[in-house]
Amino acid sequence: MAVYFLENLNAIDVLKTVGIGLILYPILTVIYNITLHPLSRFPGPLLWGCSRLRYMYSSWSGWLHSDVAALHEKYGNVVRVAPNELSFADPRVWEDIYSNRGSSPAFPKSPVWHGSTPGKPDSLANLISSKRHAAMRRKMEPGFTERAVGQQEEIVQGFVGLLMQKLKGKCEESDDGSAAVDVVKWFTFVTMDIITDLSFGESFHLLEKEELDDWVGVVVNSMRVFTIMATLRNYPWLNWLLQKLIPASARRKADWHWHTVMQKVDQRLAEDTRRPDFLSLWQRDDKGGDGLEKGHVYANAFIMTVAGSETSAGTLTGTLNKLLKHPEILERLTKEVRSRFAHETEITFAALKELPYLNAVMSEGLRVCSVVPGLTLPRITPPSGGIVCGYRVPGNIFVGVHVHSTMTGSRYFFESTEFRPERWLAEVNQDPSSPYFHDQRNGVQPFGIGPRSCIGKPLALAEMRLILARLVWTFDIGQAESEAGKVVWEDQRAFTVIDKKPFEVRLRPRVQ
């Protein structure tokens, strides 16, 4: 029967059948997603649940973080943001998704969001296998312990000192002894110089040149492309088509970018010197055995330049933006730092850990100025499903924490969107009459938790505390009267990370 049917089909019939199928398939898929899909019982707008196109539009426009935050305000702590994805805004989600809990391991990553780059070795960021990830992390951890950070302090202090020197020079060039400077640019210079020195054994000398070079420019400006590519992986045929359309010039630039990493790493390893940078410490694990394979050294050195610079520079920019909007907080911070240190040489990593208000300011900056506000840190439920915040979620479903809503949600914080460092002071935890006593601070996890938490947390905190403290110790800081001095942090788009606009502040060296 089937043979007879096929023999009597003509080309027009085939085209009609295919055409009808192409029309009916998306319609039936939408109907299924709305009515019969296992996630159809979860709250959320139909437009987001029927296909991933609305999610992709929001992501590509740069407003995914605020769009999903609005959905959480309307629908609650769980929202269906795509046919096969749930977003959670609840402090409990950190433990439920990202932590190993007894015999229940943390939910794994998915190749859709964290797949390997064809032809390139894996890094800690895109290893899907939990076992291989744990093995690689063990070999890398010697470069990020508190002890290692203490050894790296001299390197960091050198670049922060150069930053202060350069900014003083800008003030000296003006007639009135002050200068309006774009701190986005300068924070990028110093954090990138620090992380490239630690990753490659030599910085890119951005502070000295006072400009981004071509290699760093590609890193800083690539986040929008990365966001588009990541979302397209949900539609393999579209991703395949886009890969075919990439021009040869772009491929050559990517190859040049990668070979620069290899060249710098090889140059550093050839020196065979012991200095407390990543490359030296990655060469041996914590038991003195062999460290990372060279390909993995290349991949992780590259990923550190992005993760270790863009996040720190963004957090510092956002925190300073908030401080200038609240002069009384800036004044209190400045008073604490200046009263504690008589000379800049006294401002050390260890000493800064003991300043309660500085640490409260940094914690609040990390809370309200997240540089990855729209990121849900997506994971995929195991085939048997899982429990997240009390909800039974089917297997093979994308789940994640909506960082912005969890850390600034009105359900979890008093004056949730306001910059209030006081909520982090120790006395608040002991005072039931404080309006911040019931804040769910355990929901603020800017570095993540669990086996895939940010390995560079100790270095990032030490670096940001030092830069901010040296800045308020050295300069009187005020708002610049330019258009770039009026930036509102929340009015910026995000493509995985915040797409920072230039932000100018006015600096004047303090009179001692």
Foldseek 3Di string as FASTA:
>chain_A
DVVVVVVPDDPVNVVVVVVVCVVVVLVVQLVCQCPPQPCNPADEDSVQRSAPVVVLVCLLVQNLLVVVLVRCVVRHQWYRRGSFEIAGQALQQLCFAFACDVPRHHFFADCLQQNDDPPADDELRRDGDPVVNLVQCQLQLLLADLVLLQLLFVVLVVLLVLLLVLLQVQLVVDPVSKHKDFLLLSLLQSQLQSLLCQLQVGGPCCSVVVDDDPLVVCLLPCLSVSLNLSVCSVPVVSNVVVVVVDDPVVVVVVVVSLVVLVVSNVVVVVVVDDGSGSSNSQQAGPVRHGGDDSSRSSVHSVVCSNVRRLQLSQLLVQLVLQCQVPVVLLVVLLVQLQVVDVDLVVDGLVVLVPRQSLVLSSLLSCLQRPQQQADFVWGFAAQPFGAGPNDTGHGGGIYGYRRNCNSQPPVAADVRNHRDSVLRGPVLCVDPVDRSVRHPSSSRQSQRDHPSGNSNVSNSVSSSSSSVSVQSNFWDKHFDPDPLSPDDSVPFGHSSGTPDDRHIIMTHTDDD
